Amino acid sequence: MTALLVLIPVSIGMGLIGLGAFIWAMRHQQFDDLEGNAWRVIGQMETEDEKGKRDD
């Protein structure tokens, strides 16, 4: 029972830290361009493949 007196406040604190991190990310526009990074990675992979084909 005494473990609950420690675990409940710790879990609430961790939840508040997670919520704070999420709110910070939303305020700093971390989620504005969700697909841009995905397309940039694909574009970089294609150019690396083309470089490898040119070297052969």
PDB file of N, CA and C in Angstrom:
ATOM      1  N   MET A   1       0.825  -1.200   0.000  1.00  0.00           N
ATOM      2  CA  MET A   1       0.000   0.000   0.000  1.00  0.00           C
ATOM      3  C   MET A   1       0.864   1.256   0.000  1.00  0.00           C
ATOM      4  N   THR A   2       1.999   1.200   0.696  1.00  0.00           N
ATOM      5  CA  THR A   2       2.862   2.380   0.726  1.00  0.00           C
ATOM      6  C   THR A   2       3.504   2.627  -0.638  1.00  0.00           C
ATOM      7  N   ALA A   3       3.646   1.558  -1.430  1.00  0.00           N
ATOM      8  CA  ALA A   3       4.199   1.734  -2.777  1.00  0.00           C
ATOM      9  C   ALA A   3       3.276   2.597  -3.627  1.00  0.00           C
ATOM     10  N   LEU A   4       1.977   2.471  -3.413  1.00  0.00           N
ATOM     11  CA  LEU A   4       1.028   3.289  -4.169  1.00  0.00           C
ATOM     12  C   LEU A   4       1.179   4.769  -3.847  1.00  0.00           C
ATOM     13  N   LEU A   5       1.575   5.071  -2.623  1.00  0.00           N
ATOM     14  CA  LEU A   5       1.769   6.471  -2.248  1.00  0.00           C
ATOM     15  C   LEU A   5       2.931   7.100  -3.020  1.00  0.00           C
ATOM     16  N   VAL A   6       3.825   6.273  -3.506  1.00  0.00           N
ATOM     17  CA  VAL A   6       4.946   6.764  -4.315  1.00  0.00           C
ATOM     18  C   VAL A   6       4.614   6.667  -5.799  1.00  0.00           C
ATOM     19  N   LEU A   7       4.050   5.543  -6.212  1.00  0.00           N
ATOM     20  CA  LEU A   7       3.840   5.290  -7.631  1.00  0.00           C
ATOM     21  C   LEU A   7       2.780   6.191  -8.258  1.00  0.00           C
ATOM     22  N   ILE A   8       1.722   6.492  -7.538  1.00  0.00           N
ATOM     23  CA  ILE A   8       0.667   7.338  -8.107  1.00  0.00           C
ATOM     24  C   ILE A   8       1.175   8.751  -8.390  1.00  0.00           C
ATOM     25  N   PRO A   9       1.829   9.433  -7.449  1.00  0.00           N
ATOM     26  CA  PRO A   9       2.358  10.769  -7.784  1.00  0.00           C
ATOM     27  C   PRO A   9       3.432  10.733  -8.879  1.00  0.00           C
ATOM     28  N   VAL A  10       4.254   9.681  -8.892  1.00  0.00           N
ATOM     29  CA  VAL A  10       5.279   9.568  -9.938  1.00  0.00           C
ATOM     30  C   VAL A  10       4.622   9.412 -11.306  1.00  0.00           C
ATOM     31  N   SER A  11       3.602   8.589 -11.403  1.00  0.00           N
ATOM     32  CA  SER A  11       2.934   8.389 -12.691  1.00  0.00           C
ATOM     33  C   SER A  11       2.193   9.649 -13.130  1.00  0.00           C
ATOM     34  N   ILE A  12       1.590  10.359 -12.198  1.00  0.00           N
ATOM     35  CA  ILE A  12       0.932  11.625 -12.546  1.00  0.00           C
ATOM     36  C   ILE A  12       1.970  12.640 -13.012  1.00  0.00           C
ATOM     37  N   GLY A  13       3.104  12.686 -12.337  1.00  0.00           N
ATOM     38  CA  GLY A  13       4.178  13.596 -12.743  1.00  0.00           C
ATOM     39  C   GLY A  13       4.707  13.279 -14.130  1.00  0.00           C
ATOM     40  N   MET A  14       4.896  11.994 -14.421  1.00  0.00           N
ATOM     41  CA  MET A  14       5.371  11.607 -15.751  1.00  0.00           C
ATOM     42  C   MET A  14       4.346  11.947 -16.821  1.00  0.00           C
ATOM     43  N   GLY A  15       3.077  11.779 -16.508  1.00  0.00           N
ATOM     44  CA  GLY A  15       2.026  12.153 -17.453  1.00  0.00           C
ATOM     45  C   GLY A  15       2.017  13.644 -17.722  1.00  0.00           C
ATOM     46  N   LEU A  16       2.223  14.440 -16.674  1.00  0.00           N
ATOM     47  CA  LEU A  16       2.264  15.893 -16.852  1.00  0.00           C
ATOM     48  C   LEU A  16       3.485  16.323 -17.662  1.00  0.00           C
ATOM     49  N   ILE A  17       4.601  15.636 -17.472  1.00  0.00           N
ATOM     50  CA  ILE A  17       5.790  15.939 -18.275  1.00  0.00           C
ATOM     51  C   ILE A  17       5.523  15.619 -19.747  1.00  0.00           C
ATOM     52  N   GLY A  18       4.900  14.491 -20.014  1.00  0.00           N
ATOM     53  CA  GLY A  18       4.552  14.128 -21.391  1.00  0.00           C
ATOM     54  C   GLY A  18       3.578  15.104 -22.010  1.00  0.00           C
ATOM     55  N   LEU A  19       2.581  15.515 -21.241  1.00  0.00           N
ATOM     56  CA  LEU A  19       1.621  16.501 -21.734  1.00  0.00           C
ATOM     57  C   LEU A  19       2.308  17.829 -22.013  1.00  0.00           C
ATOM     58  N   GLY A  20       3.213  18.224 -21.132  1.00  0.00           N
ATOM     59  CA  GLY A  20       3.962  19.462 -21.343  1.00  0.00           C
ATOM     60  C   GLY A  20       4.816  19.398 -22.598  1.00  0.00           C
ATOM     61  N   ALA A  21       5.458  18.254 -22.849  1.00  0.00           N
ATOM     62  CA  ALA A  21       6.269  18.095 -24.057  1.00  0.00           C
ATOM     63  C   ALA A  21       5.403  18.159 -25.306  1.00  0.00           C
ATOM     64  N   PHE A  22       4.226  17.565 -25.250  1.00  0.00           N
ATOM     65  CA  PHE A  22       3.311  17.609 -26.390  1.00  0.00           C
ATOM     66  C   PHE A  22       2.840  19.028 -26.659  1.00  0.00           C
ATOM     67  N   ILE A  23       2.461  19.745 -25.613  1.00  0.00           N
ATOM     68  CA  ILE A  23       2.008  21.132 -25.783  1.00  0.00           C
ATOM     69  C   ILE A  23       3.141  21.999 -26.311  1.00  0.00           C
ATOM     70  N   TRP A  24       4.367  21.787 -25.817  1.00  0.00           N
ATOM     71  CA  TRP A  24       5.513  22.540 -26.322  1.00  0.00           C
ATOM     72  C   TRP A  24       5.711  22.284 -27.819  1.00  0.00           C
ATOM     73  N   ALA A  25       5.607  21.013 -28.226  1.00  0.00           N
ATOM     74  CA  ALA A  25       5.792  20.665 -29.633  1.00  0.00           C
ATOM     75  C   ALA A  25       4.712  21.302 -30.496  1.00  0.00           C
ATOM     76  N   MET A  26       3.487  21.347 -30.004  1.00  0.00           N
ATOM     77  CA  MET A  26       2.412  21.970 -30.778  1.00  0.00           C
ATOM     78  C   MET A  26       2.622  23.473 -30.903  1.00  0.00           C
ATOM     79  N   ARG A  27       3.071  24.114 -29.850  1.00  0.00           N
ATOM     80  CA  ARG A  27       3.289  25.565 -29.892  1.00  0.00           C
ATOM     81  C   ARG A  27       4.474  25.947 -30.766  1.00  0.00           C
ATOM     82  N   HIS A  28       5.449  25.075 -30.888  1.00  0.00           N
ATOM     83  CA  HIS A  28       6.620  25.367 -31.717  1.00  0.00           C
ATOM     84  C   HIS A  28       6.485  24.775 -33.116  1.00  0.00           C
ATOM     85  N   GLN A  29       5.267  24.423 -33.499  1.00  0.00           N
ATOM     86  CA  GLN A  29       4.918  23.961 -34.846  1.00  0.00           C
ATOM     87  C   GLN A  29       5.780  22.795 -35.321  1.00  0.00           C
ATOM     88  N   GLN A  30       5.941  21.805 -34.464  1.00  0.00           N
ATOM     89  CA  GLN A  30       6.713  20.625 -34.823  1.00  0.00           C
ATOM     90  C   GLN A  30       5.929  19.687 -35.736  1.00  0.00           C
ATOM     91  N   PHE A  31       4.609  19.856 -35.818  1.00  0.00           N
ATOM     92  CA  PHE A  31       3.778  18.947 -36.593  1.00  0.00           C
ATOM     93  C   PHE A  31       3.161  19.626 -37.804  1.00  0.00           C
ATOM     94  N   ASP A  32       3.733  20.722 -38.287  1.00  0.00           N
ATOM     95  CA  ASP A  32       3.143  21.437 -39.411  1.00  0.00           C
ATOM     96  C   ASP A  32       3.279  20.677 -40.724  1.00  0.00           C
ATOM     97  N   ASP A  33       4.447  20.149 -41.012  1.00  0.00           N
ATOM     98  CA  ASP A  33       4.706  19.503 -42.293  1.00  0.00           C
ATOM     99  C   ASP A  33       4.971  18.021 -42.060  1.00  0.00           C
ATOM    100  N   LEU A  34       3.908  17.235 -42.027  1.00  0.00           N
ATOM    101  CA  LEU A  34       4.055  15.824 -41.700  1.00  0.00           C
ATOM    102  C   LEU A  34       4.594  15.006 -42.864  1.00  0.00           C
ATOM    103  N   GLU A  35       4.276  15.386 -44.095  1.00  0.00           N
ATOM    104  CA  GLU A  35       4.694  14.588 -45.236  1.00  0.00           C
ATOM    105  C   GLU A  35       5.978  15.088 -45.877  1.00  0.00           C
ATOM    106  N   GLY A  36       6.390  16.297 -45.588  1.00  0.00           N
ATOM    107  CA  GLY A  36       7.575  16.860 -46.223  1.00  0.00           C
ATOM    108  C   GLY A  36       8.831  16.061 -45.947  1.00  0.00           C
ATOM    109  N   ASN A  37       9.046  15.684 -44.696  1.00  0.00           N
ATOM    110  CA  ASN A  37      10.242  14.914 -44.350  1.00  0.00           C
ATOM    111  C   ASN A  37      10.226  13.538 -45.007  1.00  0.00           C
ATOM    112  N   ALA A  38       9.068  12.928 -45.097  1.00  0.00           N
ATOM    113  CA  ALA A  38       8.979  11.612 -45.728  1.00  0.00           C
ATOM    114  C   ALA A  38       9.370  11.696 -47.199  1.00  0.00           C
ATOM    115  N   TRP A  39       8.901  12.712 -47.892  1.00  0.00           N
ATOM    116  CA  TRP A  39       9.250  12.848 -49.309  1.00  0.00           C
ATOM    117  C   TRP A  39      10.714  13.230 -49.484  1.00  0.00           C
ATOM    118  N   ARG A  40      11.274  14.002 -48.553  1.00  0.00           N
ATOM    119  CA  ARG A  40      12.690  14.357 -48.644  1.00  0.00           C
ATOM    120  C   ARG A  40      13.578  13.131 -48.492  1.00  0.00           C
ATOM    121  N   VAL A  41      13.200  12.210 -47.610  1.00  0.00           N
ATOM    122  CA  VAL A  41      13.981  10.988 -47.427  1.00  0.00           C
ATOM    123  C   VAL A  41      13.940  10.150 -48.694  1.00  0.00           C
ATOM    124  N   ILE A  42      12.771  10.019 -49.300  1.00  0.00           N
ATOM    125  CA  ILE A  42      12.648   9.245 -50.537  1.00  0.00           C
ATOM    126  C   ILE A  42      13.474   9.898 -51.637  1.00  0.00           C
ATOM    127  N   GLY A  43      13.439  11.217 -51.716  1.00  0.00           N
ATOM    128  CA  GLY A  43      14.224  11.919 -52.724  1.00  0.00           C
ATOM    129  C   GLY A  43      15.709  11.711 -52.531  1.00  0.00           C
ATOM    130  N   GLN A  44      16.176  11.693 -51.296  1.00  0.00           N
ATOM    131  CA  GLN A  44      17.593  11.470 -51.023  1.00  0.00           C
ATOM    132  C   GLN A  44      17.996  10.044 -51.367  1.00  0.00           C
ATOM    133  N   MET A  45      17.114   9.096 -51.132  1.00  0.00           N
ATOM    134  CA  MET A  45      17.432   7.709 -51.453  1.00  0.00           C
ATOM    135  C   MET A  45      17.570   7.531 -52.959  1.00  0.00           C
ATOM    136  N   GLU A  46      16.695   8.180 -53.731  1.00  0.00           N
ATOM    137  CA  GLU A  46      16.764   8.060 -55.182  1.00  0.00           C
ATOM    138  C   GLU A  46      18.051   8.666 -55.713  1.00  0.00           C
ATOM    139  N   THR A  47      18.458   9.810 -55.179  1.00  0.00           N
ATOM    140  CA  THR A  47      19.687  10.429 -55.668  1.00  0.00           C
ATOM    141  C   THR A  47      20.902   9.597 -55.286  1.00  0.00           C
ATOM    142  N   GLU A  48      20.892   8.952 -54.125  1.00  0.00           N
ATOM    143  CA  GLU A  48      22.002   8.083 -53.746  1.00  0.00           C
ATOM    144  C   GLU A  48      22.064   6.866 -54.659  1.00  0.00           C
ATOM    145  N   ASP A  49      20.898   6.318 -55.035  1.00  0.00           N
ATOM    146  CA  ASP A  49      20.875   5.186 -55.955  1.00  0.00           C
ATOM    147  C   ASP A  49      21.411   5.593 -57.317  1.00  0.00           C
ATOM    148  N   GLU A  50      21.050   6.777 -57.773  1.00  0.00           N
ATOM    149  CA  GLU A  50      21.530   7.258 -59.064  1.00  0.00           C
ATOM    150  C   GLU A  50      23.034   7.467 -59.038  1.00  0.00           C
ATOM    151  N   LYS A  51      23.576   7.933 -57.925  1.00  0.00           N
ATOM    152  CA  LYS A  51      25.025   8.112 -57.807  1.00  0.00           C
ATOM    153  C   LYS A  51      25.736   6.771 -57.904  1.00  0.00           C
ATOM    154  N   GLY A  52      25.174   5.759 -57.268  1.00  0.00           N
ATOM    155  CA  GLY A  52      25.773   4.431 -57.316  1.00  0.00           C
ATOM    156  C   GLY A  52      25.764   3.858 -58.725  1.00  0.00           C
ATOM    157  N   LYS A  53      24.710   4.099 -59.478  1.00  0.00           N
ATOM    158  CA  LYS A  53      24.622   3.602 -60.847  1.00  0.00           C
ATOM    159  C   LYS A  53      25.616   4.329 -61.748  1.00  0.00           C
ATOM    160  N   ARG A  54      25.842   5.608 -61.496  1.00  0.00           N
ATOM    161  CA  ARG A  54      26.774   6.372 -62.318  1.00  0.00           C
ATOM    162  C   ARG A  54      28.210   5.923 -62.085  1.00  0.00           C
ATOM    163  N   ASP A  55      28.534   5.513 -60.848  1.00  0.00           N
ATOM    164  CA  ASP A  55      29.902   5.117 -60.528  1.00  0.00           C
ATOM    165  C   ASP A  55      30.267   3.766 -61.139  1.00  0.00           C
ATOM    166  N   ASP A  56      29.260   2.934 -61.413  1.00  0.00           N
ATOM    167  CA  ASP A  56      29.541   1.580 -61.931  1.00  0.00           C
ATOM    168  C   ASP A  56      29.989   1.596 -63.338  1.00  0.00           C
TER     169      ASP A  56
END
